[in-house]
Amino acid sequence: MKKLVVLAIAITAMACQQNKIAFVDSVRIMDEYQEKIDVEARFKTRADAMTKKRDSISQAFQMELQQFQSKAQKMSQKNAQEEYAQLQQRGQFVGQQLQQEEQQLQQTSQSEMDTLVRKVKKEIKEYGKANGYTYILGGGDGGSVIYGDDTKDVTDAILKILNDKYEN
């Protein structure tokens, strides 16, 4: 019976040694992945342009409103109310259009980020298979690796592959 227990422990120990495990710092990969940096920069440029457009339209609308207020004093109350209602309606329409454009930009940005995350995961899987890993765990802030020996950290290797593929 003792021999059987010792044999079971030995087999379990050998099985554990056959698992090749590494980890990646998921946050660092996304922070240092050049394609992600470029995508964020591109969307920041678009968002900044959208903000300028909104500010410009808002400023023009404010000027139009001030002109209307000056003109309204010389108009009949009925005409002033009608013109003000039209002005308000146009302002709401333009505001809704801008809001739709901003939502579209956010959706497109999220879609591209989701694509990048899938690309990173795919590359990590391919790296793991090519290098004989049983597991590659996600580390970094919010990751599942609380501690890992630095020699098991494959973040740099994955980043190099991702950035090299992106450049080419």
C-alpha atoms as a PDB file:
ATOM      1  CA  MET A   1       0.000   0.000   0.000  1.00  0.00           C
ATOM      2  CA  LYS A   2       2.867   2.388   0.834  1.00  0.00           C
ATOM      3  CA  LYS A   3       4.415   1.706  -2.567  1.00  0.00           C
ATOM      4  CA  LEU A   4       1.135   2.560  -4.275  1.00  0.00           C
ATOM      5  CA  VAL A   5       0.872   5.913  -2.437  1.00  0.00           C
ATOM      6  CA  VAL A   6       4.504   6.780  -3.251  1.00  0.00           C
ATOM      7  CA  LEU A   7       3.927   5.837  -6.901  1.00  0.00           C
ATOM      8  CA  ALA A   8       0.787   8.041  -7.050  1.00  0.00           C
ATOM      9  CA  ILE A   9       2.689  10.986  -5.572  1.00  0.00           C
ATOM     10  CA  ALA A  10       5.568  10.455  -8.019  1.00  0.00           C
ATOM     11  CA  ILE A  11       3.189  10.326 -11.012  1.00  0.00           C
ATOM     12  CA  THR A  12       1.411  13.485  -9.814  1.00  0.00           C
ATOM     13  CA  ALA A  13       4.734  15.288  -9.362  1.00  0.00           C
ATOM     14  CA  MET A  14       5.848  14.292 -12.875  1.00  0.00           C
ATOM     15  CA  ALA A  15       2.540  15.437 -14.352  1.00  0.00           C
ATOM     16  CA  CYS A  16       2.889  18.817 -12.664  1.00  0.00           C
ATOM     17  CA  GLN A  17       6.420  19.218 -14.012  1.00  0.00           C
ATOM     18  CA  GLN A  18       5.182  18.638 -17.560  1.00  0.00           C
ATOM     19  CA  ASN A  19       2.917  21.692 -17.468  1.00  0.00           C
ATOM     20  CA  LYS A  20       4.737  24.677 -18.922  1.00  0.00           C
ATOM     21  CA  ILE A  21       3.209  27.863 -17.538  1.00  0.00           C
ATOM     22  CA  ALA A  22       3.935  31.522 -18.282  1.00  0.00           C
ATOM     23  CA  PHE A  23       2.121  34.813 -17.852  1.00  0.00           C
ATOM     24  CA  VAL A  24       1.717  38.116 -19.633  1.00  0.00           C
ATOM     25  CA  ASP A  25       1.066  41.549 -18.205  1.00  0.00           C
ATOM     26  CA  SER A  26      -2.193  42.214 -20.057  1.00  0.00           C
ATOM     27  CA  VAL A  27      -2.299  45.888 -19.176  1.00  0.00           C
ATOM     28  CA  ARG A  28       1.261  46.474 -20.349  1.00  0.00           C
ATOM     29  CA  ILE A  29       0.633  44.630 -23.596  1.00  0.00           C
ATOM     30  CA  MET A  30      -2.311  46.870 -24.412  1.00  0.00           C
ATOM     31  CA  ASP A  31      -0.491  50.015 -23.265  1.00  0.00           C
ATOM     32  CA  GLU A  32       2.602  49.298 -25.361  1.00  0.00           C
ATOM     33  CA  TYR A  33       1.001  47.710 -28.430  1.00  0.00           C
ATOM     34  CA  GLN A  34       1.703  50.224 -31.202  1.00  0.00           C
ATOM     35  CA  GLU A  35      -1.445  49.476 -33.197  1.00  0.00           C
ATOM     36  CA  LYS A  36      -3.587  50.196 -30.120  1.00  0.00           C
ATOM     37  CA  ILE A  37      -1.658  53.419 -29.515  1.00  0.00           C
ATOM     38  CA  ASP A  38      -2.257  54.454 -33.133  1.00  0.00           C
ATOM     39  CA  VAL A  39      -5.963  53.558 -32.995  1.00  0.00           C
ATOM     40  CA  GLU A  40      -6.396  55.619 -29.823  1.00  0.00           C
ATOM     41  CA  ALA A  41      -4.557  58.572 -31.396  1.00  0.00           C
ATOM     42  CA  ARG A  42      -6.714  58.382 -34.518  1.00  0.00           C
ATOM     43  CA  PHE A  43      -9.919  58.360 -32.464  1.00  0.00           C
ATOM     44  CA  LYS A  44      -8.654  61.163 -30.223  1.00  0.00           C
ATOM     45  CA  THR A  45      -8.089  63.262 -33.347  1.00  0.00           C
ATOM     46  CA  ARG A  46     -11.628  62.500 -34.512  1.00  0.00           C
ATOM     47  CA  ALA A  47     -13.055  63.254 -31.058  1.00  0.00           C
ATOM     48  CA  ASP A  48     -11.163  66.552 -30.934  1.00  0.00           C
ATOM     49  CA  ALA A  49     -12.524  67.462 -34.386  1.00  0.00           C
ATOM     50  CA  MET A  50     -16.025  66.562 -33.186  1.00  0.00           C
ATOM     51  CA  THR A  51     -15.587  68.805 -30.137  1.00  0.00           C
ATOM     52  CA  LYS A  52     -14.430  71.700 -32.326  1.00  0.00           C
ATOM     53  CA  LYS A  53     -17.403  71.152 -34.629  1.00  0.00           C
ATOM     54  CA  ARG A  54     -19.786  71.126 -31.660  1.00  0.00           C
ATOM     55  CA  ASP A  55     -18.218  74.285 -30.220  1.00  0.00           C
ATOM     56  CA  SER A  56     -18.344  76.047 -33.579  1.00  0.00           C
ATOM     57  CA  ILE A  57     -21.994  75.146 -34.157  1.00  0.00           C
ATOM     58  CA  SER A  58     -22.872  76.111 -30.600  1.00  0.00           C
ATOM     59  CA  GLN A  59     -21.129  79.451 -30.950  1.00  0.00           C
ATOM     60  CA  ALA A  60     -22.889  80.170 -34.278  1.00  0.00           C
ATOM     61  CA  PHE A  61     -26.217  79.194 -32.737  1.00  0.00           C
ATOM     62  CA  GLN A  62     -25.619  81.508 -29.767  1.00  0.00           C
ATOM     63  CA  MET A  63     -24.871  84.384 -32.151  1.00  0.00           C
ATOM     64  CA  GLU A  64     -28.029  83.636 -34.117  1.00  0.00           C
ATOM     65  CA  LEU A  65     -30.000  83.553 -30.872  1.00  0.00           C
ATOM     66  CA  GLN A  66     -28.601  86.950 -29.838  1.00  0.00           C
ATOM     67  CA  GLN A  67     -29.479  88.395 -33.243  1.00  0.00           C
ATOM     68  CA  PHE A  68     -32.967  87.002 -32.907  1.00  0.00           C
ATOM     69  CA  GLN A  69     -33.370  88.567 -29.452  1.00  0.00           C
ATOM     70  CA  SER A  70     -32.435  91.978 -30.850  1.00  0.00           C
ATOM     71  CA  LYS A  71     -34.772  91.531 -33.812  1.00  0.00           C
ATOM     72  CA  ALA A  72     -37.593  90.085 -31.683  1.00  0.00           C
ATOM     73  CA  GLN A  73     -38.111  93.401 -29.888  1.00  0.00           C
ATOM     74  CA  LYS A  74     -39.213  94.939 -33.183  1.00  0.00           C
ATOM     75  CA  MET A  75     -41.493  91.996 -34.111  1.00  0.00           C
ATOM     76  CA  SER A  76     -45.013  91.186 -33.075  1.00  0.00           C
ATOM     77  CA  GLN A  77     -45.247  88.732 -30.221  1.00  0.00           C
ATOM     78  CA  LYS A  78     -46.814  86.083 -32.444  1.00  0.00           C
ATOM     79  CA  ASN A  79     -44.089  86.330 -35.103  1.00  0.00           C
ATOM     80  CA  ALA A  80     -41.382  86.354 -32.448  1.00  0.00           C
ATOM     81  CA  GLN A  81     -42.779  83.203 -30.844  1.00  0.00           C
ATOM     82  CA  GLU A  82     -43.016  81.419 -34.204  1.00  0.00           C
ATOM     83  CA  GLU A  83     -39.479  82.319 -35.200  1.00  0.00           C
ATOM     84  CA  TYR A  84     -38.169  81.371 -31.755  1.00  0.00           C
ATOM     85  CA  ALA A  85     -39.927  77.990 -31.996  1.00  0.00           C
ATOM     86  CA  GLN A  86     -38.296  77.389 -35.390  1.00  0.00           C
ATOM     87  CA  LEU A  87     -34.927  78.396 -34.008  1.00  0.00           C
ATOM     88  CA  GLN A  88     -35.367  76.052 -31.055  1.00  0.00           C
ATOM     89  CA  GLN A  89     -36.449  73.199 -33.306  1.00  0.00           C
ATOM     90  CA  ARG A  90     -33.415  73.664 -35.562  1.00  0.00           C
ATOM     91  CA  GLY A  91     -31.145  73.771 -32.520  1.00  0.00           C
ATOM     92  CA  GLN A  92     -32.581  70.495 -31.238  1.00  0.00           C
ATOM     93  CA  PHE A  93     -32.193  68.868 -34.657  1.00  0.00           C
ATOM     94  CA  VAL A  94     -28.547  69.916 -34.942  1.00  0.00           C
ATOM     95  CA  GLY A  95     -27.905  68.751 -31.369  1.00  0.00           C
ATOM     96  CA  GLN A  96     -29.390  65.346 -32.135  1.00  0.00           C
ATOM     97  CA  GLN A  97     -27.283  65.023 -35.285  1.00  0.00           C
ATOM     98  CA  LEU A  98     -24.119  65.829 -33.356  1.00  0.00           C
ATOM     99  CA  GLN A  99     -25.060  63.343 -30.649  1.00  0.00           C
ATOM    100  CA  GLN A 100     -25.602  60.631 -33.267  1.00  0.00           C
ATOM    101  CA  GLU A 101     -22.203  61.364 -34.817  1.00  0.00           C
ATOM    102  CA  GLU A 102     -20.541  61.118 -31.397  1.00  0.00           C
ATOM    103  CA  GLN A 103     -22.285  57.819 -30.636  1.00  0.00           C
ATOM    104  CA  GLN A 104     -21.213  56.432 -34.012  1.00  0.00           C
ATOM    105  CA  LEU A 105     -17.626  57.449 -33.297  1.00  0.00           C
ATOM    106  CA  GLN A 106     -17.753  55.746 -29.889  1.00  0.00           C
ATOM    107  CA  GLN A 107     -19.206  52.561 -31.381  1.00  0.00           C
ATOM    108  CA  THR A 108     -16.570  52.468 -34.099  1.00  0.00           C
ATOM    109  CA  SER A 109     -13.833  53.047 -31.540  1.00  0.00           C
ATOM    110  CA  GLN A 110     -15.155  50.262 -29.298  1.00  0.00           C
ATOM    111  CA  SER A 111     -15.401  47.899 -32.248  1.00  0.00           C
ATOM    112  CA  GLU A 112     -11.785  48.546 -33.241  1.00  0.00           C
ATOM    113  CA  MET A 113     -10.610  48.061 -29.645  1.00  0.00           C
ATOM    114  CA  ASP A 114     -12.512  44.769 -29.441  1.00  0.00           C
ATOM    115  CA  THR A 115     -10.804  43.665 -32.660  1.00  0.00           C
ATOM    116  CA  LEU A 116      -7.408  44.550 -31.174  1.00  0.00           C
ATOM    117  CA  VAL A 117      -8.130  42.565 -28.009  1.00  0.00           C
ATOM    118  CA  ARG A 118      -9.078  39.532 -30.115  1.00  0.00           C
ATOM    119  CA  LYS A 119      -5.874  39.949 -32.129  1.00  0.00           C
ATOM    120  CA  VAL A 120      -3.764  40.072 -28.953  1.00  0.00           C
ATOM    121  CA  LYS A 121      -5.469  36.977 -27.513  1.00  0.00           C
ATOM    122  CA  LYS A 122      -4.959  35.109 -30.794  1.00  0.00           C
ATOM    123  CA  GLU A 123      -1.263  36.012 -30.830  1.00  0.00           C
ATOM    124  CA  ILE A 124      -0.831  34.883 -27.216  1.00  0.00           C
ATOM    125  CA  LYS A 125      -2.499  31.552 -28.045  1.00  0.00           C
ATOM    126  CA  GLU A 126      -0.293  31.053 -31.102  1.00  0.00           C
ATOM    127  CA  TYR A 127       2.803  31.921 -29.076  1.00  0.00           C
ATOM    128  CA  GLY A 128       1.778  29.468 -26.374  1.00  0.00           C
ATOM    129  CA  LYS A 129       1.231  26.644 -28.841  1.00  0.00           C
ATOM    130  CA  ALA A 130       4.438  27.365 -30.749  1.00  0.00           C
ATOM    131  CA  ASN A 131       6.499  27.410 -27.556  1.00  0.00           C
ATOM    132  CA  GLY A 132       4.941  24.412 -25.834  1.00  0.00           C
ATOM    133  CA  TYR A 133       3.089  26.218 -23.053  1.00  0.00           C
ATOM    134  CA  THR A 134       0.245  24.469 -21.314  1.00  0.00           C
ATOM    135  CA  TYR A 135      -1.008  27.778 -19.898  1.00  0.00           C
ATOM    136  CA  ILE A 136      -0.309  31.465 -20.380  1.00  0.00           C
ATOM    137  CA  LEU A 137      -2.038  33.429 -17.665  1.00  0.00           C
ATOM    138  CA  GLY A 138      -3.044  37.092 -17.745  1.00  0.00           C
ATOM    139  CA  GLY A 139      -1.342  39.271 -15.180  1.00  0.00           C
ATOM    140  CA  GLY A 140      -1.102  42.986 -14.457  1.00  0.00           C
ATOM    141  CA  ASP A 141      -3.758  45.089 -12.759  1.00  0.00           C
ATOM    142  CA  GLY A 142      -6.917  43.037 -12.565  1.00  0.00           C
ATOM    143  CA  GLY A 143      -5.177  39.942 -13.911  1.00  0.00           C
ATOM    144  CA  SER A 144      -5.210  36.486 -12.434  1.00  0.00           C
ATOM    145  CA  VAL A 145      -1.483  36.323 -11.610  1.00  0.00           C
ATOM    146  CA  ILE A 146      -0.731  37.847  -8.248  1.00  0.00           C
ATOM    147  CA  TYR A 147       2.898  36.754  -8.308  1.00  0.00           C
ATOM    148  CA  GLY A 148       4.976  35.298 -11.063  1.00  0.00           C
ATOM    149  CA  ASP A 149       8.673  34.581 -11.455  1.00  0.00           C
ATOM    150  CA  ASP A 150      10.043  37.129 -13.945  1.00  0.00           C
ATOM    151  CA  THR A 151      11.561  34.308 -15.988  1.00  0.00           C
ATOM    152  CA  LYS A 152       7.994  33.124 -16.718  1.00  0.00           C
ATOM    153  CA  ASP A 153       6.877  36.563 -17.953  1.00  0.00           C
ATOM    154  CA  VAL A 154       6.505  36.412 -21.752  1.00  0.00           C
ATOM    155  CA  THR A 155       5.078  39.932 -22.106  1.00  0.00           C
ATOM    156  CA  ASP A 156       8.131  41.283 -23.953  1.00  0.00           C
ATOM    157  CA  ALA A 157       8.123  38.417 -26.436  1.00  0.00           C
ATOM    158  CA  ILE A 158       4.409  38.848 -27.174  1.00  0.00           C
ATOM    159  CA  LEU A 159       4.788  42.622 -27.518  1.00  0.00           C
ATOM    160  CA  LYS A 160       7.677  42.202 -29.947  1.00  0.00           C
ATOM    161  CA  ILE A 161       5.655  39.806 -32.107  1.00  0.00           C
ATOM    162  CA  LEU A 162       2.589  42.079 -32.093  1.00  0.00           C
ATOM    163  CA  ASN A 163       4.527  45.244 -32.871  1.00  0.00           C
ATOM    164  CA  ASP A 164       6.672  43.541 -35.534  1.00  0.00           C
ATOM    165  CA  LYS A 165       3.571  42.198 -37.273  1.00  0.00           C
ATOM    166  CA  TYR A 166       1.904  45.613 -37.070  1.00  0.00           C
ATOM    167  CA  GLU A 167       4.885  47.415 -38.610  1.00  0.00           C
ATOM    168  CA  ASN A 168       5.056  45.018 -41.554  1.00  0.00           C
END
